[in-house]
Protein backbone atom coordinates (compact mmCIF):
# COMPACT_ATOMS: atom_id res chain seq x y z
CA MET A 1 15.89 10.59 -16.30
CA LYS A 2 18.66 11.88 -17.38
CA GLU A 3 20.25 11.72 -13.83
CA TRP A 4 19.88 7.76 -13.95
CA LYS A 5 22.56 6.07 -15.14
CA GLU A 6 23.24 2.35 -16.10
CA LEU A 7 26.12 0.95 -13.40
CA PHE A 8 27.37 -1.64 -12.65
CA LEU A 9 27.52 -3.62 -9.63
CA ASP A 10 30.58 -3.10 -8.83
CA ASP A 11 30.20 0.22 -9.94
CA VAL A 12 28.23 0.81 -6.52
CA GLY A 13 29.72 -1.39 -3.62
CA VAL A 14 31.55 -4.80 -3.87
CA LEU A 15 30.43 -8.38 -5.34
CA GLN A 16 32.02 -10.88 -4.36
CA ARG A 17 31.46 -15.04 -4.09
CA GLY A 18 30.98 -16.88 -1.18
CA VAL A 19 34.06 -18.91 0.76
CA SER A 20 33.28 -22.87 1.47
CA LYS A 21 36.83 -24.05 1.40
CA HIS A 22 35.74 -27.27 2.18
CA ARG A 23 34.52 -30.47 0.33
CA PRO A 24 32.82 -32.89 0.75
CA ARG A 25 29.67 -31.63 3.04
CA TYR A 26 29.79 -34.59 5.42
CA ALA A 27 33.13 -32.96 7.00
CA PHE A 28 30.71 -32.21 10.92
CA HIS A 29 33.40 -31.19 12.17
CA LEU A 30 32.73 -27.70 10.50
CA TYR A 31 29.67 -27.65 12.27
CA ASN A 32 26.89 -27.07 15.40
CA GLY A 33 29.08 -24.07 16.09
CA PRO A 34 28.11 -20.37 16.97
CA TYR A 35 28.03 -18.40 12.98
CA PRO A 36 25.19 -18.55 11.43
CA PHE A 37 25.73 -20.19 8.06
CA ILE A 38 23.11 -19.07 5.14
CA GLN A 39 22.20 -21.76 2.54
CA THR A 40 20.25 -20.76 -0.51
CA GLY A 41 17.07 -22.27 0.68
CA ASP A 42 17.07 -19.45 3.21
CA VAL A 43 17.88 -17.26 1.31
CA LYS A 44 14.67 -17.93 -0.71
CA THR A 45 12.61 -18.60 2.03
CA SER A 46 13.17 -14.94 4.10
CA ASN A 47 11.17 -12.38 2.13
CA LYS A 48 13.76 -9.86 2.25
CA TYR A 49 15.76 -9.62 5.78
CA ILE A 50 17.33 -13.32 6.63
CA LYS A 51 16.39 -13.78 10.08
CA LYS A 52 16.28 -17.33 9.81
CA TYR A 53 18.88 -21.15 9.42
CA GLU A 54 19.17 -24.33 9.33
CA GLN A 55 22.93 -24.52 9.93
CA THR A 56 25.34 -23.37 11.79
CA TYR A 57 29.90 -23.11 11.70
CA SER A 58 32.21 -24.15 14.09
CA GLU A 59 35.61 -22.54 14.80
CA GLU A 60 36.98 -24.60 12.12
CA GLY A 61 33.94 -24.31 9.63
CA LEU A 62 34.15 -20.06 10.03
CA ALA A 63 37.97 -20.93 9.12
CA GLN A 64 37.91 -22.08 5.84
CA SER A 65 35.18 -20.15 5.40
CA LYS A 66 33.89 -16.31 5.38
CA LEU A 67 31.91 -14.05 8.55
CA TRP A 68 29.79 -11.29 6.04
CA PRO A 69 28.41 -8.45 8.16
CA LYS A 70 25.20 -7.69 8.74
CA GLY A 71 22.96 -5.79 5.46
CA THR A 72 25.34 -7.97 3.18
CA LEU A 73 23.30 -8.02 0.38
CA CYS A 74 23.06 -12.44 -0.77
CA ILE A 75 22.15 -13.82 -4.41
CA THR A 76 21.99 -17.15 -4.98
CA ILE A 77 23.48 -18.61 -8.20
CA ALA A 78 23.15 -21.99 -7.66
CA ALA A 79 19.93 -24.32 -7.61
CA ASN A 80 17.54 -21.48 -5.86
CA ILE A 81 19.22 -19.12 -8.95
CA ALA A 82 18.86 -15.01 -8.20
CA GLU A 83 16.78 -15.53 -4.88
CA VAL A 84 17.43 -12.61 -3.18
CA GLY A 85 17.24 -11.50 0.96
CA ILE A 86 19.87 -9.54 2.94
CA LEU A 87 21.93 -10.71 5.83
CA GLY A 88 19.91 -9.84 9.07
CA MET A 89 22.51 -10.84 11.27
CA ASP A 90 26.77 -11.12 10.65
CA ALA A 91 26.85 -14.38 8.81
CA CYS A 92 28.76 -17.32 6.61
CA PHE A 93 27.57 -18.83 3.33
CA PRO A 94 28.79 -20.81 0.57
CA ASP A 95 30.25 -20.36 -2.97
CA SER A 96 26.32 -21.01 -4.15
CA ILE A 97 25.93 -17.50 -2.98
CA LEU A 98 27.02 -14.12 -4.10
CA GLY A 99 27.68 -11.33 -1.36
CA PHE A 100 26.90 -7.69 -1.87
CA ILE A 101 28.25 -4.86 0.62
CA PRO A 102 27.14 -1.56 -0.64
CA ASP A 103 29.05 1.47 -1.27
CA GLU A 104 26.39 4.24 0.70
CA THR A 105 27.44 7.14 -0.80
CA LYS A 106 26.57 5.71 -4.06
CA CYS A 107 23.28 3.00 -3.70
CA SER A 108 21.10 1.53 -0.96
CA VAL A 109 20.98 -1.85 -0.04
CA ASP A 110 17.39 -2.08 -0.35
CA PHE A 111 17.61 -0.20 -4.01
CA VAL A 112 19.70 -2.56 -5.34
CA TYR A 113 17.46 -6.08 -3.48
CA TYR A 114 14.48 -4.52 -5.09
CA SER A 115 16.66 -3.77 -8.57
CA LEU A 116 17.29 -7.44 -8.34
CA LYS A 117 13.68 -8.20 -7.26
CA HIS A 118 12.57 -6.35 -10.80
CA TYR A 119 14.82 -8.17 -12.71
CA GLN A 120 14.91 -12.02 -11.66
CA LYS A 121 13.19 -13.54 -14.09
CA LEU A 122 15.20 -12.06 -16.70
CA LEU A 123 18.17 -13.27 -14.57
CA GLN A 124 16.45 -16.50 -14.06
CA VAL A 125 16.99 -17.21 -18.09
CA PHE A 126 20.96 -16.65 -17.58
CA GLY A 127 21.45 -20.33 -15.72
CA GLU A 128 18.77 -22.38 -17.68
CA GLY A 129 20.08 -25.56 -19.55
CA SER A 130 23.10 -27.12 -17.47
CA VAL A 131 22.95 -30.14 -15.64
CA GLN A 132 22.33 -28.06 -12.56
CA ASP A 133 20.88 -24.69 -13.25
CA ASN A 134 23.35 -22.04 -11.91
CA ILE A 135 25.46 -18.83 -12.40
CA ASN A 136 28.20 -17.35 -11.51
CA LEU A 137 30.29 -14.35 -10.43
CA GLY A 138 30.92 -13.18 -14.18
CA THR A 139 27.43 -13.18 -15.12
CA PHE A 140 27.12 -10.51 -11.91
CA LYS A 141 30.07 -8.40 -13.09
CA GLU A 142 28.52 -8.34 -16.80
CA ILE A 143 25.03 -7.16 -16.57
CA THR A 144 24.36 -3.01 -16.01
CA PHE A 145 21.36 -1.34 -13.67
CA LYS A 146 19.94 1.52 -13.90
CA PHE A 147 20.76 3.75 -10.68
CA PRO A 148 18.44 7.00 -10.17
CA PRO A 149 20.70 9.37 -7.44
CA LEU A 150 20.80 8.24 -4.28
CA PRO A 151 18.00 10.58 -3.08
CA GLU A 152 16.17 8.73 -4.92
CA GLN A 153 17.10 5.66 -5.02
CA LYS A 154 16.45 6.06 -0.74
CA ALA A 155 13.06 6.92 -1.58
CA ILE A 156 11.86 4.34 -3.62
CA ALA A 157 13.08 2.32 -1.57
CA GLU A 158 11.63 3.58 1.42
CA ILE A 159 8.35 3.04 -0.39
CA LEU A 160 8.76 -0.54 -1.24
CA SER A 161 9.71 -0.88 2.09
CA SER A 162 7.05 -0.12 3.61
CA LEU A 163 5.03 -2.16 1.85
CA ASP A 164 6.98 -4.88 3.01
CA ASP A 165 7.28 -3.82 6.65
CA LYS A 166 3.27 -4.34 6.63
CA ILE A 167 2.96 -7.45 5.54
CA ASP A 168 5.89 -8.69 7.35
CA LEU A 169 4.00 -7.00 10.47
CA LEU A 170 0.79 -8.93 9.38
CA HIS A 171 2.18 -12.97 8.87
CA ARG A 172 3.76 -12.17 12.39
CA ASN A 173 0.22 -11.42 13.87
CA ASN A 174 -1.74 -14.57 11.96
CA ARG A 175 1.42 -16.80 13.55
CA THR A 176 0.45 -14.86 16.75
CA LEU A 177 -2.76 -15.45 16.39
CA GLU A 178 -2.46 -19.49 15.26
CA TYR A 179 -0.58 -19.80 18.10
CA MET A 180 -2.66 -18.78 20.30
CA ALA A 181 -5.63 -21.22 19.18
CA LYS A 182 -3.53 -23.54 19.00
CA THR A 183 -2.37 -23.56 22.61
CA ILE A 184 -6.15 -23.52 23.07
CA TYR A 185 -7.20 -26.29 21.64
CA ARG A 186 -4.34 -28.32 23.20
CA GLN A 187 -4.97 -27.52 26.55
CA TRP A 188 -8.82 -28.31 26.23
CA PHE A 189 -8.83 -30.86 23.81
CA ILE A 190 -6.02 -33.07 23.68
CA GLU A 191 -4.08 -32.44 27.08
CA GLU A 192 -7.92 -33.28 28.39
CA ALA A 193 -8.68 -36.00 25.95
CA TYR A 194 -8.52 -38.89 28.86
CA LYS A 195 -12.14 -37.35 29.27
CA TYR A 196 -13.90 -37.82 26.60
CA ASP A 197 -15.42 -40.33 24.78
CA LYS A 198 -13.43 -42.30 22.30
CA CYS A 199 -14.86 -41.90 18.73
CA LEU A 200 -13.79 -42.51 15.15
CA PHE A 201 -12.66 -39.66 13.24
CA GLY A 202 -15.62 -39.84 10.55
CA ASP A 203 -18.46 -39.79 13.59
CA GLU A 204 -17.15 -36.51 13.66
CA PHE A 205 -16.28 -34.88 10.33
CA ASP A 206 -17.97 -35.19 6.73
CA ILE A 207 -15.28 -36.07 4.13
CA LEU A 208 -15.17 -35.00 0.13
CA MET A 209 -12.40 -36.83 -1.79
CA GLY A 210 -11.44 -34.43 -4.79
CA GLN A 211 -11.72 -35.12 -7.88
CA SER A 212 -9.54 -33.63 -10.71
CA PRO A 213 -11.58 -32.02 -14.15
CA PRO A 214 -10.91 -32.51 -17.66
CA SER A 215 -7.62 -30.31 -17.78
CA ASN A 216 -9.15 -27.90 -20.54
CA THR A 217 -11.19 -26.79 -18.43
CA TYR A 218 -8.46 -24.95 -16.37
CA ASN A 219 -8.04 -21.33 -17.52
CA GLU A 220 -5.07 -19.11 -15.40
CA VAL A 221 -7.81 -15.86 -16.09
CA GLY A 222 -10.35 -15.46 -13.03
CA ASP A 223 -12.66 -18.01 -14.70
CA GLY A 224 -14.73 -19.86 -13.35
CA SER A 225 -14.09 -21.56 -10.35
CA ILE A 226 -10.24 -21.56 -8.57
CA PHE A 227 -8.73 -25.17 -8.73
CA PHE A 228 -6.32 -26.40 -6.22
CA GLN A 229 -5.27 -30.12 -6.91
CA GLY A 230 -2.37 -30.77 -4.44
CA ARG A 231 -0.43 -28.82 -1.53
CA SER A 232 1.74 -26.50 -3.62
CA ASP A 233 0.02 -23.58 -3.49
CA PHE A 234 -0.44 -23.81 1.04
CA GLY A 235 0.68 -21.31 2.89
CA PHE A 236 0.98 -20.27 6.03
CA ARG A 237 -3.07 -20.24 6.14
CA PHE A 238 -5.29 -20.20 3.03
CA PRO A 239 -3.83 -21.80 -0.82
CA THR A 240 -2.74 -18.96 -2.76
CA GLU A 241 -5.38 -18.70 -6.23
CA ARG A 242 -3.29 -19.72 -9.11
CA VAL A 243 -5.55 -21.47 -11.72
CA TYR A 244 -9.21 -21.39 -12.26
CA CYS A 245 -11.85 -24.30 -13.19
CA THR A 246 -15.14 -23.91 -15.39
CA SER A 247 -16.26 -27.49 -15.14
CA PRO A 248 -15.87 -28.28 -11.52
CA LYS A 249 -16.26 -31.81 -9.98
CA ARG A 250 -16.22 -31.43 -6.32
CA ILE A 251 -16.40 -28.31 -4.60
CA ALA A 252 -15.31 -27.60 -0.76
CA LYS A 253 -16.83 -25.00 0.82
CA GLN A 254 -15.09 -21.34 2.63
CA PHE A 255 -13.13 -22.51 5.51
CA ASP A 256 -13.72 -26.12 4.56
CA VAL A 257 -10.37 -28.01 6.25
CA LEU A 258 -7.90 -28.57 3.15
CA LEU A 259 -6.08 -31.71 3.42
CA SER A 260 -3.11 -33.84 1.32
CA VAL A 261 -4.02 -37.41 0.18
CA ARG A 262 -1.12 -37.95 -1.45
CA ALA A 263 2.20 -37.77 -1.44
CA PRO A 264 3.16 -35.56 0.86
CA VAL A 265 0.32 -36.61 2.86
CA GLY A 266 -1.46 -34.23 5.73
CA ASP A 267 -0.39 -30.66 5.18
CA ILE A 268 -3.46 -29.01 6.07
CA ASN A 269 -4.71 -25.69 4.85
CA MET A 270 -8.65 -23.97 4.67
CA ALA A 271 -10.66 -23.01 2.10
CA MET A 272 -10.66 -19.08 1.33
CA GLU A 273 -13.96 -19.07 -0.12
CA ASP A 274 -15.17 -21.87 -1.88
CA CYS A 275 -13.19 -23.78 -4.74
CA CYS A 276 -12.78 -27.05 -7.32
CA ILE A 277 -10.48 -29.29 -5.49
CA GLY A 278 -8.88 -32.20 -7.10
CA ARG A 279 -7.14 -35.54 -6.40
CA GLY A 280 -4.83 -34.61 -4.65
CA LEU A 281 -6.75 -33.06 -1.91
CA ALA A 282 -9.95 -33.76 0.37
CA ALA A 283 -12.39 -31.14 2.00
CA ILE A 284 -13.16 -31.79 5.71
CA ARG A 285 -16.36 -30.78 7.49
CA HIS A 286 -17.30 -30.88 10.60
CA LYS A 287 -21.14 -32.38 11.40
CA LYS A 288 -22.03 -29.24 12.55
CA GLY A 289 -20.88 -27.16 10.81
CA TYR A 290 -18.09 -25.89 13.58
CA THR A 291 -14.73 -24.68 11.35
CA SER A 292 -12.38 -23.63 13.64
CA TYR A 293 -12.62 -27.00 16.04
CA ALA A 294 -12.31 -28.90 12.16
CA TYR A 295 -8.63 -26.81 11.96
CA TYR A 296 -7.08 -27.42 15.15
CA LYS A 297 -8.60 -30.61 15.32
CA ALA A 298 -6.93 -31.33 11.89
CA LYS A 299 -3.85 -29.73 12.17
CA SER A 300 -3.70 -32.07 15.80
CA LEU A 301 -3.96 -35.17 13.66
CA GLN A 302 -1.06 -34.63 10.84
CA ASP A 303 0.99 -37.06 12.55
CA GLU A 304 -1.96 -39.95 12.04
CA PHE A 305 -2.29 -38.51 8.51
CA GLY A 306 1.16 -39.30 7.48
CA VAL A 307 1.05 -43.01 8.88
CA PHE A 308 -1.18 -43.97 6.02
CA GLU A 309 1.14 -42.93 3.47
CA ARG A 310 1.12 -46.36 2.40
CA GLU A 311 4.46 -48.09 1.85
CA GLY A 312 5.68 -49.58 -1.85
CA THR A 313 3.50 -46.92 -4.09
CA VAL A 314 5.23 -44.50 -6.70
CA PHE A 315 2.72 -41.92 -4.63
CA GLY A 316 2.07 -42.19 -1.09
CA ALA A 317 -1.99 -41.71 -0.97
CA ILE A 318 -4.62 -41.53 2.15
CA SER A 319 -7.99 -43.00 1.09
CA LYS A 320 -11.19 -41.82 2.72
CA SER A 321 -12.11 -44.82 4.53
CA ASP A 322 -8.54 -44.53 6.10
CA LEU A 323 -9.48 -40.94 7.35
CA LYS A 324 -12.36 -41.90 8.63
CA SER A 325 -10.97 -44.98 10.52
CA ILE A 326 -8.45 -42.45 12.36
CA LYS A 327 -8.99 -43.22 16.25
CA THR A 328 -9.77 -40.39 18.07
CA THR A 329 -12.06 -38.67 20.87
CA MET A 330 -15.12 -36.36 20.74
CA PRO A 331 -15.74 -33.90 23.26
CA SER A 332 -18.84 -32.26 25.01
CA GLU A 333 -20.17 -30.07 22.09
CA LYS A 334 -21.25 -27.16 24.63
CA LEU A 335 -17.32 -27.57 24.88
CA ILE A 336 -16.87 -27.20 21.29
CA ARG A 337 -19.05 -24.35 20.64
CA LYS A 338 -17.62 -22.52 23.68
CA PHE A 339 -13.87 -23.26 21.89
CA GLU A 340 -15.48 -21.94 18.71
CA ASP A 341 -16.75 -18.64 20.69
CA ILE A 342 -13.41 -17.68 21.68
CA VAL A 343 -11.28 -19.09 18.53
CA ASN A 344 -13.48 -18.80 15.80
CA PRO A 345 -12.88 -14.35 15.57
CA ILE A 346 -9.11 -15.33 15.91
CA ASP A 347 -9.46 -16.93 12.66
CA ARG A 348 -11.75 -14.49 11.31
CA GLN A 349 -8.90 -12.11 12.05
CA ILE A 350 -6.33 -14.11 10.66
CA TYR A 351 -8.70 -14.16 7.74
CA PHE A 352 -8.64 -10.80 6.90
CA ASN A 353 -5.59 -10.03 7.93
CA THR A 354 -4.37 -12.60 4.98
CA LEU A 355 -6.54 -10.05 2.55
CA GLN A 356 -4.87 -7.46 3.56
CA ILE A 357 -1.49 -8.71 3.17
CA ARG A 358 -3.25 -10.25 -0.91
CA THR A 359 -4.13 -6.53 -1.17
CA LEU A 360 -0.84 -4.87 -0.08
CA GLU A 361 1.41 -7.58 -2.25
CA SER A 362 -0.70 -6.35 -5.13
CA LEU A 363 0.16 -2.96 -4.44
CA ARG A 364 3.86 -3.64 -4.02
CA ASP A 365 3.61 -6.24 -7.22
CA THR A 366 1.93 -3.42 -8.37
CA LEU A 367 5.03 -0.37 -7.83
CA LEU A 368 7.80 -2.06 -8.19
CA PRO A 369 8.70 -2.48 -11.21
CA LYS A 370 7.74 0.75 -12.66
CA LEU A 371 9.23 2.92 -9.69
CA ILE A 372 12.88 0.58 -10.56
CA THR A 373 12.70 1.58 -14.01
CA GLY A 374 12.04 4.98 -13.19
CA GLU A 375 8.11 5.27 -15.02
CA ILE A 376 7.47 6.74 -11.69
CA ARG A 377 9.33 9.13 -10.63
CA VAL A 378 8.96 9.62 -6.77
CA PRO A 379 9.05 13.24 -5.69
CA LEU A 380 11.95 15.00 -3.59
């Protein structure tokens, strides 16, 4: 470890604050041009490389900002504190984001990215306590990080990047698979809906409304059934395991559709295994057990579910009777079975991909602190 050095980010690159001189934000002439405008939320959801963004700058917007080069490391210092991502394109960003451009003779931008991920929670502590949590450029200029020699930085980053690349590939594969399945559903059951008998949602599906168990039965050590209260743990597919319950009241079965029934109403997921559901969720199951058909049918009705979010209450909600009364169509069981034969293997592949993603994420999260601190050394 003697060759590892405590260095400031300014020692290994250029650290500056983003530029957005114009206020207020409703200066519409600054937007909707050719230049990507990255905001803190875009960094938070980037999964390392920032490739998506909600807003762009015009020529006027660029004139009062700055275009940062592809490969710049973005660090959020307001709203979403200490989130990091690497620009996948030249882009602008405001002063709520820091930009770090590495000196490639001294550091690997990927190594710096993983260092900041490791120290993220510690960095977030610096921003707590203000009206709107934030930290500043000076804070980062006063913090040192451990840097091994450049070849070891690259070797560490390569190990962690290879895991992230595999995870990203599986996520993209899952999105492609779901798109394929949704396309089949749309062609068979939406575009051809006029051919089918009219029915109510409750005619096709059994609905189990969640019921929250006593709070003293919750734990985070894996004792009891997985507990989901609402949609906060929903991801692309299959909610993230977090809290467990020793005295479950209502159990959703594996591959049941999970629907958020309290504001926001209409978010949809699928149970990865048997789990306990609280008042914020309902479990939906096809009466004859067609799990894939049930999932894509529910996805197709998301707008219908949202209509029932009651106005005039603090928290909107949809009831069991509301769900059962939604008007829809019922295809023949022969066609549903044919759909299930084609799409269920696609859904199972999404399931197995998700299991692999979680295994790789666990491995990455285990290795990250050990590699970044030098507890595990990488042979060169």
